[in-house]
């Protein structure tokens, strides 16, 4: 997403209603995770929330085996780093998916539609799924990737 976003452009890119984006940003600001004046996330608070609280607020459970889109350690960026163990991978259920695995619900239903058109967002969602679902080794790799992405975001200049 470029630096010159609007609520409407973000809603359009996410495929959700403008009011959903507004409510989400209001909740993030109230939680101290988003600065509405600077129009950006607060990196340290966001990192703390994602690494330590998300798995309790949005627990994830593996469901039945189904066709879907790989997530967590079975998706980029972790799939090239975490050696396949032969375990059935976690997938977001989708009949058009290319992989059979244990179904896990994405954090938001709009992620399925966005995974092809916004791969950076799909990778972030996969990292968050890895934090919520993975073993210690997977969580450590996901934390490292997430911290790096948050550092890059924090270093971006404001216009």
C-alpha atoms as a PDB file:
ATOM      1  CA  UNK A   1       0.000   0.000   0.000  1.00  0.00           C
ATOM      2  CA  UNK A   2       1.439   3.388  -0.886  1.00  0.00           C
ATOM      3  CA  UNK A   3       1.870   6.244   1.584  1.00  0.00           C
ATOM      4  CA  UNK A   4      -1.053   8.195   0.103  1.00  0.00           C
ATOM      5  CA  UNK A   5      -3.853   5.845   1.096  1.00  0.00           C
ATOM      6  CA  UNK A   6      -7.383   6.838   2.035  1.00  0.00           C
ATOM      7  CA  UNK A   7      -9.985   4.874   3.942  1.00  0.00           C
ATOM      8  CA  UNK A   8     -11.804   4.328   0.683  1.00  0.00           C
ATOM      9  CA  UNK A   9      -8.718   3.155  -1.227  1.00  0.00           C
ATOM     10  CA  UNK A  10      -7.769   0.777   1.593  1.00  0.00           C
ATOM     11  CA  UNK A  11     -11.324  -0.604   1.754  1.00  0.00           C
ATOM     12  CA  UNK A  12     -11.307  -1.106  -2.012  1.00  0.00           C
ATOM     13  CA  UNK A  13      -7.922  -2.862  -1.923  1.00  0.00           C
ATOM     14  CA  UNK A  14      -9.061  -5.098   0.958  1.00  0.00           C
ATOM     15  CA  UNK A  15     -12.433  -5.791  -0.632  1.00  0.00           C
ATOM     16  CA  UNK A  16     -14.352  -4.704   2.470  1.00  0.00           C
ATOM     17  CA  UNK A  17     -16.708  -1.872   3.333  1.00  0.00           C
ATOM     18  CA  UNK A  18     -15.322   1.560   4.190  1.00  0.00           C
ATOM     19  CA  UNK A  19     -17.040   1.365   7.594  1.00  0.00           C
ATOM     20  CA  UNK A  20     -15.186  -1.873   8.440  1.00  0.00           C
ATOM     21  CA  UNK A  21     -11.830  -0.178   7.809  1.00  0.00           C
ATOM     22  CA  UNK A  22     -12.878   2.836   9.905  1.00  0.00           C
ATOM     23  CA  UNK A  23     -13.995   0.648  12.822  1.00  0.00           C
ATOM     24  CA  UNK A  24     -10.783  -1.394  12.632  1.00  0.00           C
ATOM     25  CA  UNK A  25      -8.578   1.711  12.671  1.00  0.00           C
ATOM     26  CA  UNK A  26     -10.594   3.141  15.582  1.00  0.00           C
ATOM     27  CA  UNK A  27     -10.099  -0.088  17.558  1.00  0.00           C
ATOM     28  CA  UNK A  28      -6.385  -0.127  16.753  1.00  0.00           C
ATOM     29  CA  UNK A  29      -6.030   3.504  17.857  1.00  0.00           C
ATOM     30  CA  UNK A  30      -7.928   2.814  21.098  1.00  0.00           C
ATOM     31  CA  UNK A  31      -5.593  -0.128  21.760  1.00  0.00           C
ATOM     32  CA  UNK A  32      -2.508   2.034  21.191  1.00  0.00           C
ATOM     33  CA  UNK A  33      -1.489   0.149  18.050  1.00  0.00           C
ATOM     34  CA  UNK A  34      -2.208   2.875  15.473  1.00  0.00           C
ATOM     35  CA  UNK A  35      -1.463   6.601  15.430  1.00  0.00           C
ATOM     36  CA  UNK A  36      -4.316   8.336  13.565  1.00  0.00           C
ATOM     37  CA  UNK A  37      -2.422  11.638  13.351  1.00  0.00           C
ATOM     38  CA  UNK A  38       0.554  10.045  11.579  1.00  0.00           C
ATOM     39  CA  UNK A  39      -1.698   7.463   9.876  1.00  0.00           C
ATOM     40  CA  UNK A  40       0.556   4.539  10.670  1.00  0.00           C
ATOM     41  CA  UNK A  41       0.963   1.641  13.036  1.00  0.00           C
ATOM     42  CA  UNK A  42       3.030   2.065  16.186  1.00  0.00           C
ATOM     43  CA  UNK A  43       5.760  -0.523  15.487  1.00  0.00           C
ATOM     44  CA  UNK A  44       6.826  -1.456  19.032  1.00  0.00           C
ATOM     45  CA  UNK A  45       3.248  -1.828  20.286  1.00  0.00           C
ATOM     46  CA  UNK A  46       2.225  -3.718  17.148  1.00  0.00           C
ATOM     47  CA  UNK A  47       5.155  -6.105  17.529  1.00  0.00           C
ATOM     48  CA  UNK A  48       4.300  -6.758  21.175  1.00  0.00           C
ATOM     49  CA  UNK A  49       0.646  -7.389  20.334  1.00  0.00           C
ATOM     50  CA  UNK A  50       1.324  -9.686  17.380  1.00  0.00           C
ATOM     51  CA  UNK A  51       4.031 -11.727  19.102  1.00  0.00           C
ATOM     52  CA  UNK A  52       2.415 -12.103  22.506  1.00  0.00           C
ATOM     53  CA  UNK A  53      -1.348 -11.456  22.422  1.00  0.00           C
ATOM     54  CA  UNK A  54      -2.715 -12.444  19.012  1.00  0.00           C
ATOM     55  CA  UNK A  55      -2.613 -16.193  19.681  1.00  0.00           C
ATOM     56  CA  UNK A  56      -4.820 -15.694  22.755  1.00  0.00           C
ATOM     57  CA  UNK A  57      -7.287 -13.297  21.122  1.00  0.00           C
ATOM     58  CA  UNK A  58      -7.565 -15.341  17.921  1.00  0.00           C
ATOM     59  CA  UNK A  59      -6.637 -18.936  18.729  1.00  0.00           C
ATOM     60  CA  UNK A  60      -6.261 -21.273  15.805  1.00  0.00           C
ATOM     61  CA  UNK A  61      -7.164 -24.949  15.632  1.00  0.00           C
ATOM     62  CA  UNK A  62      -6.462 -27.388  12.856  1.00  0.00           C
ATOM     63  CA  UNK A  63      -9.598 -28.899  11.376  1.00  0.00           C
ATOM     64  CA  UNK A  64     -10.309 -31.762   9.028  1.00  0.00           C
ATOM     65  CA  UNK A  65      -8.176 -32.410   5.968  1.00  0.00           C
ATOM     66  CA  UNK A  66      -9.431 -30.405   3.009  1.00  0.00           C
ATOM     67  CA  UNK A  67      -8.249 -28.733  -0.164  1.00  0.00           C
ATOM     68  CA  UNK A  68      -6.943 -25.224   0.281  1.00  0.00           C
ATOM     69  CA  UNK A  69      -4.239 -22.584   0.156  1.00  0.00           C
ATOM     70  CA  UNK A  70      -1.102 -23.281   2.218  1.00  0.00           C
ATOM     71  CA  UNK A  71      -0.479 -21.058   5.242  1.00  0.00           C
ATOM     72  CA  UNK A  72       1.843 -20.817   8.253  1.00  0.00           C
ATOM     73  CA  UNK A  73       5.081 -22.762   7.605  1.00  0.00           C
ATOM     74  CA  UNK A  74       3.700 -24.264   4.383  1.00  0.00           C
ATOM     75  CA  UNK A  75       3.486 -20.822   2.702  1.00  0.00           C
ATOM     76  CA  UNK A  76       5.949 -18.077   1.802  1.00  0.00           C
ATOM     77  CA  UNK A  77       8.123 -16.871   3.379  1.00  0.00           C
ATOM     78  CA  UNK A  78       8.624 -19.838   5.744  1.00  0.00           C
ATOM     79  CA  UNK A  79       8.123 -22.708   3.285  1.00  0.00           C
ATOM     80  CA  UNK A  80      11.672 -22.310   1.936  1.00  0.00           C
ATOM     81  CA  UNK A  81      13.155 -22.074   5.432  1.00  0.00           C
ATOM     82  CA  UNK A  82      11.277 -24.749   7.379  1.00  0.00           C
ATOM     83  CA  UNK A  83      12.033 -28.230   6.096  1.00  0.00           C
ATOM     84  CA  UNK A  84       8.969 -30.286   5.250  1.00  0.00           C
ATOM     85  CA  UNK A  85       8.423 -32.914   7.922  1.00  0.00           C
ATOM     86  CA  UNK A  86       5.860 -34.983   6.096  1.00  0.00           C
ATOM     87  CA  UNK A  87       3.135 -33.618   8.369  1.00  0.00           C
ATOM     88  CA  UNK A  88      -0.065 -32.528   6.711  1.00  0.00           C
ATOM     89  CA  UNK A  89       0.306 -28.767   6.155  1.00  0.00           C
ATOM     90  CA  UNK A  90      -2.169 -26.168   7.392  1.00  0.00           C
ATOM     91  CA  UNK A  91      -4.355 -24.651   4.660  1.00  0.00           C
ATOM     92  CA  UNK A  92      -7.003 -21.986   4.360  1.00  0.00           C
ATOM     93  CA  UNK A  93      -9.998 -23.990   3.082  1.00  0.00           C
ATOM     94  CA  UNK A  94     -10.664 -23.197  -0.570  1.00  0.00           C
ATOM     95  CA  UNK A  95     -11.953 -25.640  -3.207  1.00  0.00           C
ATOM     96  CA  UNK A  96      -9.673 -23.936  -5.765  1.00  0.00           C
ATOM     97  CA  UNK A  97      -6.615 -24.573  -3.583  1.00  0.00           C
ATOM     98  CA  UNK A  98      -3.751 -26.723  -4.791  1.00  0.00           C
ATOM     99  CA  UNK A  99      -2.842 -28.462  -1.511  1.00  0.00           C
ATOM    100  CA  UNK A 100      -4.603 -30.914   0.786  1.00  0.00           C
ATOM    101  CA  UNK A 101      -4.016 -30.121   4.416  1.00  0.00           C
ATOM    102  CA  UNK A 102      -5.570 -29.462   7.801  1.00  0.00           C
ATOM    103  CA  UNK A 103      -8.078 -26.641   7.480  1.00  0.00           C
ATOM    104  CA  UNK A 104      -7.457 -23.490   9.527  1.00  0.00           C
ATOM    105  CA  UNK A 105      -9.611 -20.406   9.361  1.00  0.00           C
ATOM    106  CA  UNK A 106      -7.792 -17.248   8.217  1.00  0.00           C
ATOM    107  CA  UNK A 107      -7.814 -14.224  10.522  1.00  0.00           C
ATOM    108  CA  UNK A 108     -10.310 -12.597   8.150  1.00  0.00           C
ATOM    109  CA  UNK A 109     -12.408 -14.075   5.361  1.00  0.00           C
ATOM    110  CA  UNK A 110     -11.172 -11.417   2.897  1.00  0.00           C
ATOM    111  CA  UNK A 111      -7.644 -12.910   2.988  1.00  0.00           C
ATOM    112  CA  UNK A 112      -8.644 -15.728   0.633  1.00  0.00           C
ATOM    113  CA  UNK A 113      -9.560 -13.292  -2.117  1.00  0.00           C
ATOM    114  CA  UNK A 114      -6.475 -11.141  -1.504  1.00  0.00           C
ATOM    115  CA  UNK A 115      -3.797 -13.813  -1.389  1.00  0.00           C
ATOM    116  CA  UNK A 116      -3.175 -13.731  -5.152  1.00  0.00           C
ATOM    117  CA  UNK A 117      -3.484  -9.981  -5.724  1.00  0.00           C
ATOM    118  CA  UNK A 118      -1.650  -8.816  -2.583  1.00  0.00           C
ATOM    119  CA  UNK A 119       1.080 -11.390  -1.876  1.00  0.00           C
ATOM    120  CA  UNK A 120       2.772  -9.245   0.795  1.00  0.00           C
ATOM    121  CA  UNK A 121      -0.414  -9.288   2.853  1.00  0.00           C
ATOM    122  CA  UNK A 122      -0.798 -13.042   2.327  1.00  0.00           C
ATOM    123  CA  UNK A 123       2.770 -13.547   3.588  1.00  0.00           C
ATOM    124  CA  UNK A 124       2.067 -11.469   6.706  1.00  0.00           C
ATOM    125  CA  UNK A 125      -1.092 -13.491   7.354  1.00  0.00           C
ATOM    126  CA  UNK A 126       0.877 -16.743   6.931  1.00  0.00           C
ATOM    127  CA  UNK A 127       3.474 -15.488   9.434  1.00  0.00           C
ATOM    128  CA  UNK A 128       0.701 -14.680  11.915  1.00  0.00           C
ATOM    129  CA  UNK A 129      -0.779 -18.156  11.393  1.00  0.00           C
ATOM    130  CA  UNK A 130       2.682 -19.625  12.073  1.00  0.00           C
ATOM    131  CA  UNK A 131       2.861 -17.669  15.341  1.00  0.00           C
ATOM    132  CA  UNK A 132      -0.594 -18.921  16.327  1.00  0.00           C
ATOM    133  CA  UNK A 133      -0.133 -22.539  15.237  1.00  0.00           C
ATOM    134  CA  UNK A 134       3.525 -23.466  14.954  1.00  0.00           C
ATOM    135  CA  UNK A 135       5.931 -25.226  17.272  1.00  0.00           C
ATOM    136  CA  UNK A 136       8.824 -23.336  18.903  1.00  0.00           C
ATOM    137  CA  UNK A 137      11.079 -23.544  15.831  1.00  0.00           C
ATOM    138  CA  UNK A 138       8.340 -22.302  13.495  1.00  0.00           C
ATOM    139  CA  UNK A 139       7.331 -19.501  15.875  1.00  0.00           C
ATOM    140  CA  UNK A 140      10.960 -18.375  16.184  1.00  0.00           C
ATOM    141  CA  UNK A 141      11.339 -18.157  12.392  1.00  0.00           C
ATOM    142  CA  UNK A 142       8.005 -16.340  12.065  1.00  0.00           C
ATOM    143  CA  UNK A 143       9.002 -13.868  14.810  1.00  0.00           C
ATOM    144  CA  UNK A 144      12.262 -13.107  13.029  1.00  0.00           C
ATOM    145  CA  UNK A 145      10.488 -12.419   9.718  1.00  0.00           C
ATOM    146  CA  UNK A 146       7.768 -10.350  11.358  1.00  0.00           C
ATOM    147  CA  UNK A 147      10.243  -8.223  13.320  1.00  0.00           C
ATOM    148  CA  UNK A 148      12.211  -7.529  10.144  1.00  0.00           C
ATOM    149  CA  UNK A 149       9.063  -6.425   8.305  1.00  0.00           C
ATOM    150  CA  UNK A 150       8.041  -4.177  11.188  1.00  0.00           C
ATOM    151  CA  UNK A 151      11.524  -2.599  11.235  1.00  0.00           C
ATOM    152  CA  UNK A 152      11.293  -1.902   7.514  1.00  0.00           C
ATOM    153  CA  UNK A 153       7.856  -0.342   7.971  1.00  0.00           C
ATOM    154  CA  UNK A 154       9.067   1.825  10.867  1.00  0.00           C
ATOM    155  CA  UNK A 155      12.027   3.049   8.800  1.00  0.00           C
ATOM    156  CA  UNK A 156       9.839   4.262   5.929  1.00  0.00           C
ATOM    157  CA  UNK A 157       9.822   8.077   5.757  1.00  0.00           C
ATOM    158  CA  UNK A 158       6.568   9.974   6.142  1.00  0.00           C
ATOM    159  CA  UNK A 159       5.605  12.380   3.395  1.00  0.00           C
END
